[in-house]
Amino acid sequence: MEERIQKLEKEIELIKERNLRVEADKAWEISYFRISLISGIIYIVAVKVLYFIGNNNYFLNALVPAIGYFISVQSLPFIKRWWIKNFNKK
């Protein structure tokens, strides 16, 4: 009986550790730091690509994909809630 209790306690501890990792991953996924970092990388890459292909307004035009990414990420929570609501109806 004691061995079974220890096994269950170990399993509970593993579940708690997993939950902490999942919560940290989720926090990273929705953090403004991550979203800003990716938007910045997109902007820099777009500037370089537009410069090399000869676009005259490459600094301004590079904002389009960066802002597009930012807006799409901001709309994801709404879309996710809608999808979950409709998925659970099945």
C-alpha atoms as a PDB file:
ATOM      1  CA  MET A   1       0.000   0.000   0.000  1.00  0.00           C
ATOM      2  CA  GLU A   2       2.824   2.401   0.899  1.00  0.00           C
ATOM      3  CA  GLU A   3       4.527   1.676  -2.421  1.00  0.00           C
ATOM      4  CA  ARG A   4       1.315   2.450  -4.309  1.00  0.00           C
ATOM      5  CA  ILE A   5       0.946   5.779  -2.488  1.00  0.00           C
ATOM      6  CA  GLN A   6       4.542   6.716  -3.333  1.00  0.00           C
ATOM      7  CA  LYS A   7       3.932   5.809  -6.967  1.00  0.00           C
ATOM      8  CA  LEU A   8       0.815   8.002  -7.063  1.00  0.00           C
ATOM      9  CA  GLU A   9       2.684  10.873  -5.404  1.00  0.00           C
ATOM     10  CA  LYS A  10       5.441  10.565  -8.002  1.00  0.00           C
ATOM     11  CA  GLU A  11       2.874  10.624 -10.814  1.00  0.00           C
ATOM     12  CA  ILE A  12       1.229  13.711  -9.311  1.00  0.00           C
ATOM     13  CA  GLU A  13       4.616  15.414  -9.077  1.00  0.00           C
ATOM     14  CA  LEU A  14       5.327  14.612 -12.740  1.00  0.00           C
ATOM     15  CA  ILE A  15       1.945  16.052 -13.733  1.00  0.00           C
ATOM     16  CA  LYS A  16       2.658  19.243 -11.774  1.00  0.00           C
ATOM     17  CA  GLU A  17       6.049  19.614 -13.482  1.00  0.00           C
ATOM     18  CA  ARG A  18       4.441  19.071 -16.886  1.00  0.00           C
ATOM     19  CA  ASN A  19       1.763  21.658 -16.090  1.00  0.00           C
ATOM     20  CA  LEU A  20       4.452  24.205 -15.195  1.00  0.00           C
ATOM     21  CA  ARG A  21       6.203  23.588 -18.529  1.00  0.00           C
ATOM     22  CA  VAL A  22       2.915  23.873 -20.437  1.00  0.00           C
ATOM     23  CA  GLU A  23       2.023  27.115 -18.630  1.00  0.00           C
ATOM     24  CA  ALA A  24       5.469  28.565 -19.398  1.00  0.00           C
ATOM     25  CA  ASP A  25       5.137  27.584 -23.073  1.00  0.00           C
ATOM     26  CA  LYS A  26       1.690  29.166 -23.255  1.00  0.00           C
ATOM     27  CA  ALA A  27       2.958  32.352 -21.586  1.00  0.00           C
ATOM     28  CA  TRP A  28       5.777  32.530 -24.157  1.00  0.00           C
ATOM     29  CA  GLU A  29       3.372  31.981 -27.062  1.00  0.00           C
ATOM     30  CA  ILE A  30       1.178  34.940 -26.088  1.00  0.00           C
ATOM     31  CA  SER A  31       3.887  37.258 -24.719  1.00  0.00           C
ATOM     32  CA  TYR A  32       4.260  40.682 -26.265  1.00  0.00           C
ATOM     33  CA  PHE A  33       8.034  40.216 -26.124  1.00  0.00           C
ATOM     34  CA  ARG A  34       7.815  37.214 -28.489  1.00  0.00           C
ATOM     35  CA  ILE A  35       5.311  38.929 -30.786  1.00  0.00           C
ATOM     36  CA  SER A  36       7.457  42.081 -30.931  1.00  0.00           C
ATOM     37  CA  LEU A  37      10.617  40.077 -31.530  1.00  0.00           C
ATOM     38  CA  ILE A  38       9.105  38.143 -34.429  1.00  0.00           C
ATOM     39  CA  SER A  39       7.577  41.317 -35.891  1.00  0.00           C
ATOM     40  CA  GLY A  40      11.000  42.977 -35.716  1.00  0.00           C
ATOM     41  CA  ILE A  41      12.687  40.031 -37.414  1.00  0.00           C
ATOM     42  CA  ILE A  42      10.038  40.030 -40.144  1.00  0.00           C
ATOM     43  CA  TYR A  43      10.590  43.766 -40.658  1.00  0.00           C
ATOM     44  CA  ILE A  44      14.373  43.423 -40.908  1.00  0.00           C
ATOM     45  CA  VAL A  45      14.164  40.512 -43.345  1.00  0.00           C
ATOM     46  CA  ALA A  46      11.559  42.335 -45.438  1.00  0.00           C
ATOM     47  CA  VAL A  47      13.733  45.477 -45.555  1.00  0.00           C
ATOM     48  CA  LYS A  48      16.682  43.433 -46.816  1.00  0.00           C
ATOM     49  CA  VAL A  49      14.646  41.575 -49.416  1.00  0.00           C
ATOM     50  CA  LEU A  50      12.969  44.732 -50.683  1.00  0.00           C
ATOM     51  CA  TYR A  51      16.322  46.533 -50.810  1.00  0.00           C
ATOM     52  CA  PHE A  52      17.943  43.748 -52.823  1.00  0.00           C
ATOM     53  CA  ILE A  53      15.091  43.583 -55.326  1.00  0.00           C
ATOM     54  CA  GLY A  54      15.362  47.334 -55.877  1.00  0.00           C
ATOM     55  CA  ASN A  55      12.243  48.642 -54.167  1.00  0.00           C
ATOM     56  CA  ASN A  56      12.460  52.402 -53.645  1.00  0.00           C
ATOM     57  CA  ASN A  57      10.475  52.584 -50.399  1.00  0.00           C
ATOM     58  CA  TYR A  58      11.825  49.449 -48.745  1.00  0.00           C
ATOM     59  CA  PHE A  59      11.700  50.823 -45.161  1.00  0.00           C
ATOM     60  CA  LEU A  60       8.046  51.810 -45.500  1.00  0.00           C
ATOM     61  CA  ASN A  61       6.972  48.799 -47.558  1.00  0.00           C
ATOM     62  CA  ALA A  62       8.591  46.389 -45.100  1.00  0.00           C
ATOM     63  CA  LEU A  63       6.033  47.476 -42.527  1.00  0.00           C
ATOM     64  CA  VAL A  64       3.289  45.630 -44.428  1.00  0.00           C
ATOM     65  CA  PRO A  65       4.313  42.049 -43.532  1.00  0.00           C
ATOM     66  CA  ALA A  66       5.401  43.019 -40.009  1.00  0.00           C
ATOM     67  CA  ILE A  67       2.109  44.769 -39.247  1.00  0.00           C
ATOM     68  CA  GLY A  68       0.216  41.956 -40.971  1.00  0.00           C
ATOM     69  CA  TYR A  69       1.845  39.421 -38.661  1.00  0.00           C
ATOM     70  CA  PHE A  70       1.127  41.560 -35.596  1.00  0.00           C
ATOM     71  CA  ILE A  71      -2.548  41.985 -36.514  1.00  0.00           C
ATOM     72  CA  SER A  72      -2.966  38.288 -37.293  1.00  0.00           C
ATOM     73  CA  VAL A  73      -1.502  37.302 -33.917  1.00  0.00           C
ATOM     74  CA  GLN A  74      -3.811  39.740 -32.133  1.00  0.00           C
ATOM     75  CA  SER A  75      -6.853  38.223 -33.843  1.00  0.00           C
ATOM     76  CA  LEU A  76      -5.901  34.630 -32.979  1.00  0.00           C
ATOM     77  CA  PRO A  77      -7.444  34.552 -29.464  1.00  0.00           C
ATOM     78  CA  PHE A  78     -10.803  35.605 -30.915  1.00  0.00           C
ATOM     79  CA  ILE A  79     -10.554  33.062 -33.728  1.00  0.00           C
ATOM     80  CA  LYS A  80      -9.409  30.360 -31.304  1.00  0.00           C
ATOM     81  CA  ARG A  81     -12.412  30.934 -29.013  1.00  0.00           C
ATOM     82  CA  TRP A  82     -14.753  30.824 -32.020  1.00  0.00           C
ATOM     83  CA  TRP A  83     -13.160  27.621 -33.329  1.00  0.00           C
ATOM     84  CA  ILE A  84     -13.307  25.884 -29.938  1.00  0.00           C
ATOM     85  CA  LYS A  85     -16.945  26.890 -29.506  1.00  0.00           C
ATOM     86  CA  ASN A  86     -17.868  25.480 -32.927  1.00  0.00           C
ATOM     87  CA  PHE A  87     -15.643  22.402 -32.604  1.00  0.00           C
ATOM     88  CA  ASN A  88     -17.305  21.372 -29.345  1.00  0.00           C
ATOM     89  CA  LYS A  89     -20.745  21.369 -31.010  1.00  0.00           C
ATOM     90  CA  LYS A  90     -19.886  18.232 -32.947  1.00  0.00           C
END
